[in-house]
Structure formats: C-alpha cells, structure tokens
Amino acid sequence: MNLEKALPDFNDGEKIKVVSVNCGRNLSRRLCDLGLFEGTEIEILKNDNFGPIIIKILNSKIALGRGEAEKIYGEKI
C-alpha cells in the first residue's frame, strides 16, 4: 500500500519523510540548498489549506508556496 502524498495533503504537526521531489532543475537546486531532498525528515508546522506551508527541517523553519509544496511527496513517519 502506497501512503505517498503531496505536502499540502498533510496536517499540522505531522512528521514526514520526503520520498520524491518532482520539479525542474532550478527549484530542485533551491530545495536542495534548503536541505529538502529525498530522505529528509520534516514536520508540517502550518498548513491552513491556503497560502504558504511552513515546515521544519532540522532547526530551521521554511515557508513553501503551495505550488512548490505540491511537487514534494512524502510518507508519514
């Protein structure tokens, strides 16, 4: 059973492991520079179903636009 979902489909407080990032080279490079790539464990801090999604990577908080977040897939851990 595949439990992979896009970031906007997760709720506040859920911890996930990134399983894929489906985007172009520029966005992929930007996300990688932020520490977000396959295998990264993150926490959804704020997802109001509109506006940016705020995530926590290690000790950093990062805001991602919904369009960016829709290209990142993860599994709940």
C-alpha atoms as a PDB file:
ATOM      1  CA  MET A   1       0.000   0.000   0.000  1.00  0.00           C
ATOM      2  CA  ASN A   2       1.447   3.360  -1.070  1.00  0.00           C
ATOM      3  CA  LEU A   3       0.927   6.124   1.514  1.00  0.00           C
ATOM      4  CA  GLU A   4       2.783   8.754  -0.504  1.00  0.00           C
ATOM      5  CA  LYS A   5       1.050  12.159  -0.569  1.00  0.00           C
ATOM      6  CA  ALA A   6       1.918  15.701  -1.625  1.00  0.00           C
ATOM      7  CA  LEU A   7       2.872  18.127   1.164  1.00  0.00           C
ATOM      8  CA  PRO A   8      -0.450  20.064   1.020  1.00  0.00           C
ATOM      9  CA  ASP A   9      -2.273  16.816   1.907  1.00  0.00           C
ATOM     10  CA  PHE A  10      -0.593  16.580   5.327  1.00  0.00           C
ATOM     11  CA  ASN A  11      -1.863  18.264   8.506  1.00  0.00           C
ATOM     12  CA  ASP A  12      -0.204  20.495  11.090  1.00  0.00           C
ATOM     13  CA  GLY A  13       2.120  18.590  13.394  1.00  0.00           C
ATOM     14  CA  GLU A  14       2.613  15.591  11.118  1.00  0.00           C
ATOM     15  CA  LYS A  15       6.165  14.360  10.635  1.00  0.00           C
ATOM     16  CA  ILE A  16       7.004  13.020   7.222  1.00  0.00           C
ATOM     17  CA  LYS A  17       9.876  11.605   5.228  1.00  0.00           C
ATOM     18  CA  VAL A  18      10.332  13.071   1.745  1.00  0.00           C
ATOM     19  CA  VAL A  19      10.151  10.278  -0.837  1.00  0.00           C
ATOM     20  CA  SER A  20      10.283  12.300  -4.066  1.00  0.00           C
ATOM     21  CA  VAL A  21      10.612  15.817  -5.421  1.00  0.00           C
ATOM     22  CA  ASN A  22       9.088  16.205  -8.894  1.00  0.00           C
ATOM     23  CA  CYS A  23      10.235  19.566 -10.209  1.00  0.00           C
ATOM     24  CA  GLY A  24      12.601  21.300 -12.584  1.00  0.00           C
ATOM     25  CA  ARG A  25      16.295  21.851 -12.101  1.00  0.00           C
ATOM     26  CA  ASN A  26      16.082  25.367 -10.617  1.00  0.00           C
ATOM     27  CA  LEU A  27      13.515  24.508  -7.954  1.00  0.00           C
ATOM     28  CA  SER A  28      15.268  21.225  -7.227  1.00  0.00           C
ATOM     29  CA  ARG A  29      18.531  23.095  -6.627  1.00  0.00           C
ATOM     30  CA  ARG A  30      16.804  25.649  -4.384  1.00  0.00           C
ATOM     31  CA  LEU A  31      15.124  22.944  -2.302  1.00  0.00           C
ATOM     32  CA  CYS A  32      18.380  21.015  -2.035  1.00  0.00           C
ATOM     33  CA  ASP A  33      20.134  24.185  -0.806  1.00  0.00           C
ATOM     34  CA  LEU A  34      17.436  24.423   1.883  1.00  0.00           C
ATOM     35  CA  GLY A  35      18.109  20.811   2.903  1.00  0.00           C
ATOM     36  CA  LEU A  36      14.939  19.394   1.386  1.00  0.00           C
ATOM     37  CA  PHE A  37      15.543  16.303  -0.760  1.00  0.00           C
ATOM     38  CA  GLU A  38      14.636  12.605  -0.833  1.00  0.00           C
ATOM     39  CA  GLY A  39      15.083  11.032   2.587  1.00  0.00           C
ATOM     40  CA  THR A  40      14.787  14.294   4.542  1.00  0.00           C
ATOM     41  CA  GLU A  41      12.546  14.166   7.614  1.00  0.00           C
ATOM     42  CA  ILE A  42      10.397  17.260   8.070  1.00  0.00           C
ATOM     43  CA  GLU A  43       7.495  18.444  10.212  1.00  0.00           C
ATOM     44  CA  ILE A  44       4.472  20.349   8.922  1.00  0.00           C
ATOM     45  CA  LEU A  45       4.179  23.364  11.223  1.00  0.00           C
ATOM     46  CA  LYS A  46       1.367  25.205   9.440  1.00  0.00           C
ATOM     47  CA  ASN A  47      -0.933  24.164   6.610  1.00  0.00           C
ATOM     48  CA  ASP A  48      -4.115  26.236   6.514  1.00  0.00           C
ATOM     49  CA  ASN A  49      -5.179  24.890   3.095  1.00  0.00           C
ATOM     50  CA  PHE A  50      -4.378  28.309   1.603  1.00  0.00           C
ATOM     51  CA  GLY A  51      -1.223  30.376   1.427  1.00  0.00           C
ATOM     52  CA  PRO A  52       2.256  29.028   2.134  1.00  0.00           C
ATOM     53  CA  ILE A  53       3.024  25.826   4.020  1.00  0.00           C
ATOM     54  CA  ILE A  54       5.502  26.226   6.861  1.00  0.00           C
ATOM     55  CA  ILE A  55       7.764  23.260   7.502  1.00  0.00           C
ATOM     56  CA  LYS A  56      10.555  22.483   9.929  1.00  0.00           C
ATOM     57  CA  ILE A  57      13.804  20.955   8.658  1.00  0.00           C
ATOM     58  CA  LEU A  58      16.230  20.218  11.495  1.00  0.00           C
ATOM     59  CA  ASN A  59      16.147  23.518  13.438  1.00  0.00           C
ATOM     60  CA  SER A  60      15.002  25.735  10.557  1.00  0.00           C
ATOM     61  CA  LYS A  61      11.519  26.922   9.635  1.00  0.00           C
ATOM     62  CA  ILE A  62      10.854  27.325   5.925  1.00  0.00           C
ATOM     63  CA  ALA A  63       7.806  28.669   4.083  1.00  0.00           C
ATOM     64  CA  LEU A  64       6.987  26.993   0.777  1.00  0.00           C
ATOM     65  CA  GLY A  65       4.455  28.253  -1.719  1.00  0.00           C
ATOM     66  CA  ARG A  66       1.614  25.830  -2.392  1.00  0.00           C
ATOM     67  CA  GLY A  67       2.796  25.313  -5.975  1.00  0.00           C
ATOM     68  CA  GLU A  68       6.227  24.260  -4.719  1.00  0.00           C
ATOM     69  CA  ALA A  69       4.759  22.092  -1.966  1.00  0.00           C
ATOM     70  CA  GLU A  70       2.550  20.219  -4.447  1.00  0.00           C
ATOM     71  CA  LYS A  71       5.702  18.896  -6.139  1.00  0.00           C
ATOM     72  CA  ILE A  72       7.082  17.353  -2.935  1.00  0.00           C
ATOM     73  CA  TYR A  73       5.808  13.922  -1.893  1.00  0.00           C
ATOM     74  CA  GLY A  74       6.267  12.218   1.430  1.00  0.00           C
ATOM     75  CA  GLU A  75       5.135   9.481   3.783  1.00  0.00           C
ATOM     76  CA  LYS A  76       4.024   9.940   7.375  1.00  0.00           C
ATOM     77  CA  ILE A  77       6.541   8.627   9.922  1.00  0.00           C
END
